[in-house]
Amino acid sequence: MASIIVLFELEPDGAIGATGAIGAEDAEGAEPAVIAVHAAGADPDVPEDPQPYTLCGLETGPMEHTHYRPIRPGEPWYPPTLADQRCQECERALRAL
């Protein structure tokens, strides 16, 4: 797998919005709660889009694309501020690659 796409699994009815920015607020001013941070392979035809399933087997359709990319070598695949929400199954799959 050449690259991964980092996705947010949000609380039901939560949406980050059109920007997809980490920490964006909803219309009421409250941040949507991130249930988990998942990883999916990039679609080979459209590299900015995820494949249909995360590395742990969940559908990517209802998840929000974070557009997060590590900046330096050795940085985690997930946003560091969300370390507690990272999916352990996705992490195990990434380590096995």
PDB file of N, CA and C in Angstrom:
ATOM      1  N   MET A   1       0.861  -1.174   0.000  1.00  0.00           N
ATOM      2  CA  MET A   1       0.000   0.000   0.000  1.00  0.00           C
ATOM      3  C   MET A   1       0.900   1.227   0.000  1.00  0.00           C
ATOM      4  N   ALA A   2       0.727   2.079  -0.986  1.00  0.00           N
ATOM      5  CA  ALA A   2       1.584   3.242  -1.149  1.00  0.00           C
ATOM      6  C   ALA A   2       1.323   4.303  -0.095  1.00  0.00           C
ATOM      7  N   SER A   3       0.072   4.584   0.203  1.00  0.00           N
ATOM      8  CA  SER A   3      -0.244   5.609   1.195  1.00  0.00           C
ATOM      9  C   SER A   3      -1.550   5.259   1.884  1.00  0.00           C
ATOM     10  N   ILE A   4      -1.762   5.930   2.995  1.00  0.00           N
ATOM     11  CA  ILE A   4      -3.000   5.712   3.733  1.00  0.00           C
ATOM     12  C   ILE A   4      -3.785   7.009   3.822  1.00  0.00           C
ATOM     13  N   ILE A   5      -5.062   6.848   4.044  1.00  0.00           N
ATOM     14  CA  ILE A   5      -5.977   7.964   4.274  1.00  0.00           C
ATOM     15  C   ILE A   5      -6.431   7.836   5.722  1.00  0.00           C
ATOM     16  N   VAL A   6      -6.350   8.923   6.465  1.00  0.00           N
ATOM     17  CA  VAL A   6      -6.767   8.935   7.864  1.00  0.00           C
ATOM     18  C   VAL A   6      -8.201   9.447   7.929  1.00  0.00           C
ATOM     19  N   LEU A   7      -9.053   8.693   8.617  1.00  0.00           N
ATOM     20  CA  LEU A   7     -10.484   9.002   8.680  1.00  0.00           C
ATOM     21  C   LEU A   7     -10.959   9.105  10.115  1.00  0.00           C
ATOM     22  N   PHE A   8     -11.950   9.965  10.336  1.00  0.00           N
ATOM     23  CA  PHE A   8     -12.599  10.096  11.638  1.00  0.00           C
ATOM     24  C   PHE A   8     -13.923   9.360  11.626  1.00  0.00           C
ATOM     25  N   GLU A   9     -14.140   8.537  12.629  1.00  0.00           N
ATOM     26  CA  GLU A   9     -15.462   7.977  12.905  1.00  0.00           C
ATOM     27  C   GLU A   9     -16.072   8.912  13.940  1.00  0.00           C
ATOM     28  N   LEU A  10     -17.157   9.589  13.568  1.00  0.00           N
ATOM     29  CA  LEU A  10     -17.771  10.596  14.427  1.00  0.00           C
ATOM     30  C   LEU A  10     -19.021  10.059  15.107  1.00  0.00           C
ATOM     31  N   GLU A  11     -19.425  10.742  16.172  1.00  0.00           N
ATOM     32  CA  GLU A  11     -20.702  10.420  16.804  1.00  0.00           C
ATOM     33  C   GLU A  11     -21.795  10.549  15.760  1.00  0.00           C
ATOM     34  N   PRO A  12     -22.884   9.789  15.890  1.00  0.00           N
ATOM     35  CA  PRO A  12     -23.981   9.927  14.922  1.00  0.00           C
ATOM     36  C   PRO A  12     -24.423  11.385  14.807  1.00  0.00           C
ATOM     37  N   ASP A  13     -24.713  11.794  13.586  1.00  0.00           N
ATOM     38  CA  ASP A  13     -25.128  13.157  13.255  1.00  0.00           C
ATOM     39  C   ASP A  13     -24.015  14.183  13.432  1.00  0.00           C
ATOM     40  N   GLY A  14     -22.795  13.738  13.700  1.00  0.00           N
ATOM     41  CA  GLY A  14     -21.672  14.664  13.796  1.00  0.00           C
ATOM     42  C   GLY A  14     -21.034  14.806  12.434  1.00  0.00           C
ATOM     43  N   ALA A  15     -20.625  15.989  12.101  1.00  0.00           N
ATOM     44  CA  ALA A  15     -19.926  16.207  10.839  1.00  0.00           C
ATOM     45  C   ALA A  15     -18.941  17.331  11.031  1.00  0.00           C
ATOM     46  N   ILE A  16     -17.783  17.167  10.479  1.00  0.00           N
ATOM     47  CA  ILE A  16     -16.772  18.198  10.604  1.00  0.00           C
ATOM     48  C   ILE A  16     -17.072  19.357   9.673  1.00  0.00           C
ATOM     49  N   GLY A  17     -17.674  19.086   8.552  1.00  0.00           N
ATOM     50  CA  GLY A  17     -18.018  20.156   7.618  1.00  0.00           C
ATOM     51  C   GLY A  17     -17.214  20.057   6.346  1.00  0.00           C
ATOM     52  N   ALA A  18     -17.430  21.001   5.489  1.00  0.00           N
ATOM     53  CA  ALA A  18     -16.832  20.954   4.159  1.00  0.00           C
ATOM     54  C   ALA A  18     -15.313  21.041   4.197  1.00  0.00           C
ATOM     55  N   THR A  19     -14.757  21.718   5.185  1.00  0.00           N
ATOM     56  CA  THR A  19     -13.315  21.868   5.202  1.00  0.00           C
ATOM     57  C   THR A  19     -12.631  20.600   5.657  1.00  0.00           C
ATOM     58  N   GLY A  20     -13.284  19.828   6.506  1.00  0.00           N
ATOM     59  CA  GLY A  20     -12.669  18.614   7.006  1.00  0.00           C
ATOM     60  C   GLY A  20     -11.515  18.898   7.952  1.00  0.00           C
ATOM     61  N   ALA A  21     -11.428  20.114   8.438  1.00  0.00           N
ATOM     62  CA  ALA A  21     -10.316  20.486   9.291  1.00  0.00           C
ATOM     63  C   ALA A  21     -10.462  19.885  10.680  1.00  0.00           C
ATOM     64  N   ILE A  22      -9.346  19.474  11.223  1.00  0.00           N
ATOM     65  CA  ILE A  22      -9.347  18.939  12.570  1.00  0.00           C
ATOM     66  C   ILE A  22      -9.711  20.067  13.522  1.00  0.00           C
ATOM     67  N   GLY A  23     -10.669  19.821  14.383  1.00  0.00           N
ATOM     68  CA  GLY A  23     -11.079  20.812  15.355  1.00  0.00           C
ATOM     69  C   GLY A  23     -12.117  21.799  14.846  1.00  0.00           C
ATOM     70  N   ALA A  24     -12.620  21.610  13.648  1.00  0.00           N
ATOM     71  CA  ALA A  24     -13.658  22.516  13.134  1.00  0.00           C
ATOM     72  C   ALA A  24     -14.906  22.405  13.992  1.00  0.00           C
ATOM     73  N   GLU A  25     -15.615  23.472  14.132  1.00  0.00           N
ATOM     74  CA  GLU A  25     -16.816  23.473  14.963  1.00  0.00           C
ATOM     75  C   GLU A  25     -18.055  23.345  14.115  1.00  0.00           C
ATOM     76  N   ASP A  26     -19.122  22.775  14.704  1.00  0.00           N
ATOM     77  CA  ASP A  26     -20.383  22.678  13.982  1.00  0.00           C
ATOM     78  C   ASP A  26     -21.157  23.977  14.139  1.00  0.00           C
ATOM     79  N   ALA A  27     -22.365  24.026  13.583  1.00  0.00           N
ATOM     80  CA  ALA A  27     -23.162  25.251  13.566  1.00  0.00           C
ATOM     81  C   ALA A  27     -23.483  25.755  14.967  1.00  0.00           C
ATOM     82  N   GLU A  28     -23.540  24.873  15.959  1.00  0.00           N
ATOM     83  CA  GLU A  28     -23.859  25.292  17.321  1.00  0.00           C
ATOM     84  C   GLU A  28     -22.620  25.677  18.113  1.00  0.00           C
ATOM     85  N   GLY A  29     -21.436  25.582  17.506  1.00  0.00           N
ATOM     86  CA  GLY A  29     -20.214  25.979  18.175  1.00  0.00           C
ATOM     87  C   GLY A  29     -19.527  24.856  18.941  1.00  0.00           C
ATOM     88  N   ALA A  30     -20.071  23.663  18.927  1.00  0.00           N
ATOM     89  CA  ALA A  30     -19.445  22.547  19.634  1.00  0.00           C
ATOM     90  C   ALA A  30     -18.746  21.634  18.636  1.00  0.00           C
ATOM     91  N   GLU A  31     -17.568  21.156  19.003  1.00  0.00           N
ATOM     92  CA  GLU A  31     -16.853  20.249  18.126  1.00  0.00           C
ATOM     93  C   GLU A  31     -17.534  18.886  18.121  1.00  0.00           C
ATOM     94  N   PRO A  32     -17.643  18.256  16.947  1.00  0.00           N
ATOM     95  CA  PRO A  32     -18.202  16.904  16.918  1.00  0.00           C
ATOM     96  C   PRO A  32     -17.226  15.948  17.602  1.00  0.00           C
ATOM     97  N   ALA A  33     -17.756  14.971  18.284  1.00  0.00           N
ATOM     98  CA  ALA A  33     -16.918  14.038  19.015  1.00  0.00           C
ATOM     99  C   ALA A  33     -16.373  12.970  18.076  1.00  0.00           C
ATOM    100  N   VAL A  34     -15.076  12.790  18.117  1.00  0.00           N
ATOM    101  CA  VAL A  34     -14.428  11.744  17.342  1.00  0.00           C
ATOM    102  C   VAL A  34     -14.458  10.477  18.176  1.00  0.00           C
ATOM    103  N   ILE A  35     -15.126   9.463  17.653  1.00  0.00           N
ATOM    104  CA  ILE A  35     -15.185   8.180  18.346  1.00  0.00           C
ATOM    105  C   ILE A  35     -13.877   7.429  18.145  1.00  0.00           C
ATOM    106  N   ALA A  36     -13.383   7.423  16.902  1.00  0.00           N
ATOM    107  CA  ALA A  36     -12.148   6.711  16.601  1.00  0.00           C
ATOM    108  C   ALA A  36     -11.486   7.305  15.366  1.00  0.00           C
ATOM    109  N   VAL A  37     -10.165   7.125  15.291  1.00  0.00           N
ATOM    110  CA  VAL A  37      -9.387   7.523  14.126  1.00  0.00           C
ATOM    111  C   VAL A  37      -8.976   6.225  13.428  1.00  0.00           C
ATOM    112  N   HIS A  38      -9.325   6.112  12.149  1.00  0.00           N
ATOM    113  CA  HIS A  38      -9.070   4.897  11.382  1.00  0.00           C
ATOM    114  C   HIS A  38      -8.146   5.187  10.211  1.00  0.00           C
ATOM    115  N   ALA A  39      -7.568   4.118   9.649  1.00  0.00           N
ATOM    116  CA  ALA A  39      -6.726   4.219   8.460  1.00  0.00           C
ATOM    117  C   ALA A  39      -7.316   3.346   7.365  1.00  0.00           C
ATOM    118  N   ALA A  40      -7.220   3.843   6.136  1.00  0.00           N
ATOM    119  CA  ALA A  40      -7.654   3.080   4.959  1.00  0.00           C
ATOM    120  C   ALA A  40      -6.610   3.285   3.871  1.00  0.00           C
ATOM    121  N   GLY A  41      -6.511   2.332   2.996  1.00  0.00           N
ATOM    122  CA  GLY A  41      -5.640   2.499   1.844  1.00  0.00           C
ATOM    123  C   GLY A  41      -6.191   3.551   0.913  1.00  0.00           C
ATOM    124  N   ALA A  42      -5.304   4.206   0.190  1.00  0.00           N
ATOM    125  CA  ALA A  42      -5.737   5.190  -0.806  1.00  0.00           C
ATOM    126  C   ALA A  42      -6.241   4.459  -2.046  1.00  0.00           C
ATOM    127  N   ASP A  43      -7.282   4.989  -2.644  1.00  0.00           N
ATOM    128  CA  ASP A  43      -7.825   4.433  -3.881  1.00  0.00           C
ATOM    129  C   ASP A  43      -6.773   4.607  -4.979  1.00  0.00           C
ATOM    130  N   PRO A  44      -6.394   3.541  -5.677  1.00  0.00           N
ATOM    131  CA  PRO A  44      -5.361   3.675  -6.705  1.00  0.00           C
ATOM    132  C   PRO A  44      -5.755   4.594  -7.870  1.00  0.00           C
ATOM    133  N   ASP A  45      -7.057   4.719  -8.145  1.00  0.00           N
ATOM    134  CA  ASP A  45      -7.508   5.586  -9.240  1.00  0.00           C
ATOM    135  C   ASP A  45      -7.672   7.038  -8.817  1.00  0.00           C
ATOM    136  N   VAL A  46      -8.017   7.266  -7.554  1.00  0.00           N
ATOM    137  CA  VAL A  46      -8.202   8.617  -7.011  1.00  0.00           C
ATOM    138  C   VAL A  46      -7.476   8.659  -5.665  1.00  0.00           C
ATOM    139  N   PRO A  47      -6.174   8.941  -5.669  1.00  0.00           N
ATOM    140  CA  PRO A  47      -5.356   8.827  -4.458  1.00  0.00           C
ATOM    141  C   PRO A  47      -5.827   9.638  -3.244  1.00  0.00           C
ATOM    142  N   GLU A  48      -6.637  10.667  -3.448  1.00  0.00           N
ATOM    143  CA  GLU A  48      -7.148  11.437  -2.310  1.00  0.00           C
ATOM    144  C   GLU A  48      -8.364  10.783  -1.666  1.00  0.00           C
ATOM    145  N   ASP A  49      -8.901   9.744  -2.286  1.00  0.00           N
ATOM    146  CA  ASP A  49     -10.066   9.051  -1.749  1.00  0.00           C
ATOM    147  C   ASP A  49      -9.645   7.738  -1.090  1.00  0.00           C
ATOM    148  N   PRO A  50     -10.348   7.363  -0.010  1.00  0.00           N
ATOM    149  CA  PRO A  50     -10.024   6.080   0.624  1.00  0.00           C
ATOM    150  C   PRO A  50     -10.647   4.908  -0.127  1.00  0.00           C
ATOM    151  N   GLN A  51     -10.078   3.736   0.081  1.00  0.00           N
ATOM    152  CA  GLN A  51     -10.704   2.517  -0.409  1.00  0.00           C
ATOM    153  C   GLN A  51     -12.000   2.321   0.376  1.00  0.00           C
ATOM    154  N   PRO A  52     -12.877   1.403  -0.037  1.00  0.00           N
ATOM    155  CA  PRO A  52     -14.197   1.265   0.595  1.00  0.00           C
ATOM    156  C   PRO A  52     -14.176   0.838   2.062  1.00  0.00           C
ATOM    157  N   TYR A  53     -13.080   0.218   2.515  1.00  0.00           N
ATOM    158  CA  TYR A  53     -13.029  -0.272   3.898  1.00  0.00           C
ATOM    159  C   TYR A  53     -11.742   0.164   4.581  1.00  0.00           C
ATOM    160  N   THR A  54     -11.847   0.426   5.879  1.00  0.00           N
ATOM    161  CA  THR A  54     -10.673   0.734   6.678  1.00  0.00           C
ATOM    162  C   THR A  54      -9.835  -0.531   6.848  1.00  0.00           C
ATOM    163  N   LEU A  55      -8.657  -0.378   7.405  1.00  0.00           N
ATOM    164  CA  LEU A  55      -7.800  -1.533   7.637  1.00  0.00           C
ATOM    165  C   LEU A  55      -8.375  -2.474   8.684  1.00  0.00           C
ATOM    166  N   CYS A  56      -9.330  -1.986   9.482  1.00  0.00           N
ATOM    167  CA  CYS A  56      -9.984  -2.843  10.477  1.00  0.00           C
ATOM    168  C   CYS A  56     -11.300  -3.413   9.946  1.00  0.00           C
ATOM    169  N   GLY A  57     -11.679  -3.078   8.709  1.00  0.00           N
ATOM    170  CA  GLY A  57     -12.853  -3.665   8.078  1.00  0.00           C
ATOM    171  C   GLY A  57     -14.134  -2.861   8.108  1.00  0.00           C
ATOM    172  N   LEU A  58     -14.113  -1.627   8.613  1.00  0.00           N
ATOM    173  CA  LEU A  58     -15.320  -0.790   8.623  1.00  0.00           C
ATOM    174  C   LEU A  58     -15.482  -0.061   7.293  1.00  0.00           C
ATOM    175  N   GLU A  59     -16.729   0.239   6.928  1.00  0.00           N
ATOM    176  CA  GLU A  59     -16.983   1.010   5.713  1.00  0.00           C
ATOM    177  C   GLU A  59     -16.493   2.442   5.892  1.00  0.00           C
ATOM    178  N   THR A  60     -15.838   2.966   4.872  1.00  0.00           N
ATOM    179  CA  THR A  60     -15.302   4.322   4.954  1.00  0.00           C
ATOM    180  C   THR A  60     -16.316   5.392   4.554  1.00  0.00           C
ATOM    181  N   GLY A  61     -17.393   5.005   3.876  1.00  0.00           N
ATOM    182  CA  GLY A  61     -18.385   5.972   3.395  1.00  0.00           C
ATOM    183  C   GLY A  61     -18.901   6.938   4.442  1.00  0.00           C
ATOM    184  N   PRO A  62     -19.295   6.460   5.630  1.00  0.00           N
ATOM    185  CA  PRO A  62     -19.837   7.396   6.624  1.00  0.00           C
ATOM    186  C   PRO A  62     -18.775   8.170   7.420  1.00  0.00           C
ATOM    187  N   MET A  63     -17.500   7.925   7.147  1.00  0.00           N
ATOM    188  CA  MET A  63     -16.440   8.584   7.915  1.00  0.00           C
ATOM    189  C   MET A  63     -15.991   9.872   7.247  1.00  0.00           C
ATOM    190  N   GLU A  64     -15.374  10.742   8.035  1.00  0.00           N
ATOM    191  CA  GLU A  64     -14.860  12.023   7.545  1.00  0.00           C
ATOM    192  C   GLU A  64     -13.369  11.899   7.229  1.00  0.00           C
ATOM    193  N   HIS A  65     -12.988  12.343   6.044  1.00  0.00           N
ATOM    194  CA  HIS A  65     -11.580  12.386   5.627  1.00  0.00           C
ATOM    195  C   HIS A  65     -10.921  13.513   6.412  1.00  0.00           C
ATOM    196  N   THR A  66      -9.806  13.225   7.071  1.00  0.00           N
ATOM    197  CA  THR A  66      -9.144  14.249   7.880  1.00  0.00           C
ATOM    198  C   THR A  66      -8.158  15.100   7.104  1.00  0.00           C
ATOM    199  N   HIS A  67      -7.662  14.590   5.982  1.00  0.00           N
ATOM    200  CA  HIS A  67      -6.610  15.236   5.205  1.00  0.00           C
ATOM    201  C   HIS A  67      -5.332  15.387   6.030  1.00  0.00           C
ATOM    202  N   TYR A  68      -5.220  14.592   7.096  1.00  0.00           N
ATOM    203  CA  TYR A  68      -4.021  14.615   7.927  1.00  0.00           C
ATOM    204  C   TYR A  68      -2.910  13.816   7.261  1.00  0.00           C
ATOM    205  N   ARG A  69      -1.718  14.359   7.291  1.00  0.00           N
ATOM    206  CA  ARG A  69      -0.519  13.656   6.820  1.00  0.00           C
ATOM    207  C   ARG A  69       0.610  13.978   7.802  1.00  0.00           C
ATOM    208  N   PRO A  70       1.353  12.964   8.220  1.00  0.00           N
ATOM    209  CA  PRO A  70       2.521  13.262   9.060  1.00  0.00           C
ATOM    210  C   PRO A  70       3.476  14.184   8.305  1.00  0.00           C
ATOM    211  N   ILE A  71       4.082  15.112   9.018  1.00  0.00           N
ATOM    212  CA  ILE A  71       4.980  16.084   8.391  1.00  0.00           C
ATOM    213  C   ILE A  71       6.411  15.562   8.342  1.00  0.00           C
ATOM    214  N   ARG A  72       6.852  14.942   9.439  1.00  0.00           N
ATOM    215  CA  ARG A  72       8.227  14.461   9.531  1.00  0.00           C
ATOM    216  C   ARG A  72       8.278  12.949   9.692  1.00  0.00           C
ATOM    217  N   PRO A  73       9.352  12.337   9.280  1.00  0.00           N
ATOM    218  CA  PRO A  73       9.511  10.891   9.510  1.00  0.00           C
ATOM    219  C   PRO A  73       9.423  10.580  11.006  1.00  0.00           C
ATOM    220  N   GLY A  74       8.798   9.476  11.310  1.00  0.00           N
ATOM    221  CA  GLY A  74       8.664   9.065  12.705  1.00  0.00           C
ATOM    222  C   GLY A  74       7.411   9.582  13.390  1.00  0.00           C
ATOM    223  N   GLU A  75       6.692  10.504  12.752  1.00  0.00           N
ATOM    224  CA  GLU A  75       5.433  10.974  13.335  1.00  0.00           C
ATOM    225  C   GLU A  75       4.379   9.906  13.163  1.00  0.00           C
ATOM    226  N   PRO A  76       3.397   9.843  14.066  1.00  0.00           N
ATOM    227  CA  PRO A  76       2.371   8.804  13.968  1.00  0.00           C
ATOM    228  C   PRO A  76       1.470   9.005  12.748  1.00  0.00           C
ATOM    229  N   TRP A  77       0.797   7.934  12.366  1.00  0.00           N
ATOM    230  CA  TRP A  77      -0.117   7.972  11.214  1.00  0.00           C
ATOM    231  C   TRP A  77      -1.388   8.745  11.522  1.00  0.00           C
ATOM    232  N   TYR A  78      -1.697   8.946  12.796  1.00  0.00           N
ATOM    233  CA  TYR A  78      -2.908   9.628  13.262  1.00  0.00           C
ATOM    234  C   TYR A  78      -2.525  10.993  13.822  1.00  0.00           C
ATOM    235  N   PRO A  79      -3.477  11.925  13.923  1.00  0.00           N
ATOM    236  CA  PRO A  79      -3.170  13.213  14.549  1.00  0.00           C
ATOM    237  C   PRO A  79      -2.750  12.980  16.006  1.00  0.00           C
ATOM    238  N   PRO A  80      -1.590  13.467  16.421  1.00  0.00           N
ATOM    239  CA  PRO A  80      -1.083  13.194  17.772  1.00  0.00           C
ATOM    240  C   PRO A  80      -2.036  13.581  18.891  1.00  0.00           C
ATOM    241  N   THR A  81      -2.857  14.592  18.684  1.00  0.00           N
ATOM    242  CA  THR A  81      -3.798  15.015  19.722  1.00  0.00           C
ATOM    243  C   THR A  81      -4.924  13.993  19.931  1.00  0.00           C
ATOM    244  N   LEU A  82      -5.052  13.049  19.000  1.00  0.00           N
ATOM    245  CA  LEU A  82      -6.112  12.037  19.087  1.00  0.00           C
ATOM    246  C   LEU A  82      -5.539  10.635  19.305  1.00  0.00           C
ATOM    247  N   ALA A  83      -4.408  10.557  19.967  1.00  0.00           N
ATOM    248  CA  ALA A  83      -3.764   9.263  20.214  1.00  0.00           C
ATOM    249  C   ALA A  83      -4.683   8.293  20.948  1.00  0.00           C
ATOM    250  N   ASP A  84      -5.471   8.781  21.887  1.00  0.00           N
ATOM    251  CA  ASP A  84      -6.362   7.904  22.647  1.00  0.00           C
ATOM    252  C   ASP A  84      -7.515   7.360  21.818  1.00  0.00           C
ATOM    253  N   GLN A  85      -7.833   8.019  20.706  1.00  0.00           N
ATOM    254  CA  GLN A  85      -8.952   7.578  19.873  1.00  0.00           C
ATOM    255  C   GLN A  85      -8.507   6.726  18.677  1.00  0.00           C
ATOM    256  N   ARG A  86      -7.207   6.511  18.505  1.00  0.00           N
ATOM    257  CA  ARG A  86      -6.774   5.734  17.338  1.00  0.00           C
ATOM    258  C   ARG A  86      -7.265   4.295  17.444  1.00  0.00           C
ATOM    259  N   CYS A  87      -7.627   3.745  16.303  1.00  0.00           N
ATOM    260  CA  CYS A  87      -8.126   2.373  16.225  1.00  0.00           C
ATOM    261  C   CYS A  87      -6.951   1.413  16.372  1.00  0.00           C
ATOM    262  N   GLN A  88      -7.018   0.582  17.381  1.00  0.00           N
ATOM    263  CA  GLN A  88      -5.931  -0.366  17.632  1.00  0.00           C
ATOM    264  C   GLN A  88      -5.838  -1.419  16.530  1.00  0.00           C
ATOM    265  N   GLU A  89      -6.970  -1.785  15.925  1.00  0.00           N
ATOM    266  CA  GLU A  89      -6.954  -2.771  14.836  1.00  0.00           C
ATOM    267  C   GLU A  89      -6.274  -2.175  13.590  1.00  0.00           C
ATOM    268  N   CYS A  90      -6.582  -0.936  13.281  1.00  0.00           N
ATOM    269  CA  CYS A  90      -5.911  -0.273  12.149  1.00  0.00           C
ATOM    270  C   CYS A  90      -4.418  -0.163  12.427  1.00  0.00           C
ATOM    271  N   GLU A  91      -4.058   0.165  13.653  1.00  0.00           N
ATOM    272  CA  GLU A  91      -2.643   0.283  14.008  1.00  0.00           C
ATOM    273  C   GLU A  91      -1.921  -1.054  13.845  1.00  0.00           C
ATOM    274  N   ARG A  92      -2.557  -2.146  14.302  1.00  0.00           N
ATOM    275  CA  ARG A  92      -1.941  -3.469  14.140  1.00  0.00           C
ATOM    276  C   ARG A  92      -1.753  -3.808  12.662  1.00  0.00           C
ATOM    277  N   ALA A  93      -2.757  -3.481  11.852  1.00  0.00           N
ATOM    278  CA  ALA A  93      -2.661  -3.751  10.413  1.00  0.00           C
ATOM    279  C   ALA A  93      -1.525  -2.944   9.781  1.00  0.00           C
ATOM    280  N   LEU A  94      -1.363  -1.699  10.190  1.00  0.00           N
ATOM    281  CA  LEU A  94      -0.286  -0.869   9.647  1.00  0.00           C
ATOM    282  C   LEU A  94       1.081  -1.415  10.047  1.00  0.00           C
ATOM    283  N   ARG A  95       1.203  -1.879  11.274  1.00  0.00           N
ATOM    284  CA  ARG A  95       2.482  -2.438  11.729  1.00  0.00           C
ATOM    285  C   ARG A  95       2.834  -3.716  10.988  1.00  0.00           C
ATOM    286  N   ALA A  96       1.810  -4.448  10.538  1.00  0.00           N
ATOM    287  CA  ALA A  96       2.041  -5.707   9.828  1.00  0.00           C
ATOM    288  C   ALA A  96       2.445  -5.495   8.374  1.00  0.00           C
ATOM    289  N   LEU A  97       2.254  -4.281   7.848  1.00  0.00           N
ATOM    290  CA  LEU A  97       2.594  -4.018   6.436  1.00  0.00           C
ATOM    291  C   LEU A  97       4.087  -4.013   6.214  1.00  0.00           C
TER     292      LEU A  97
END
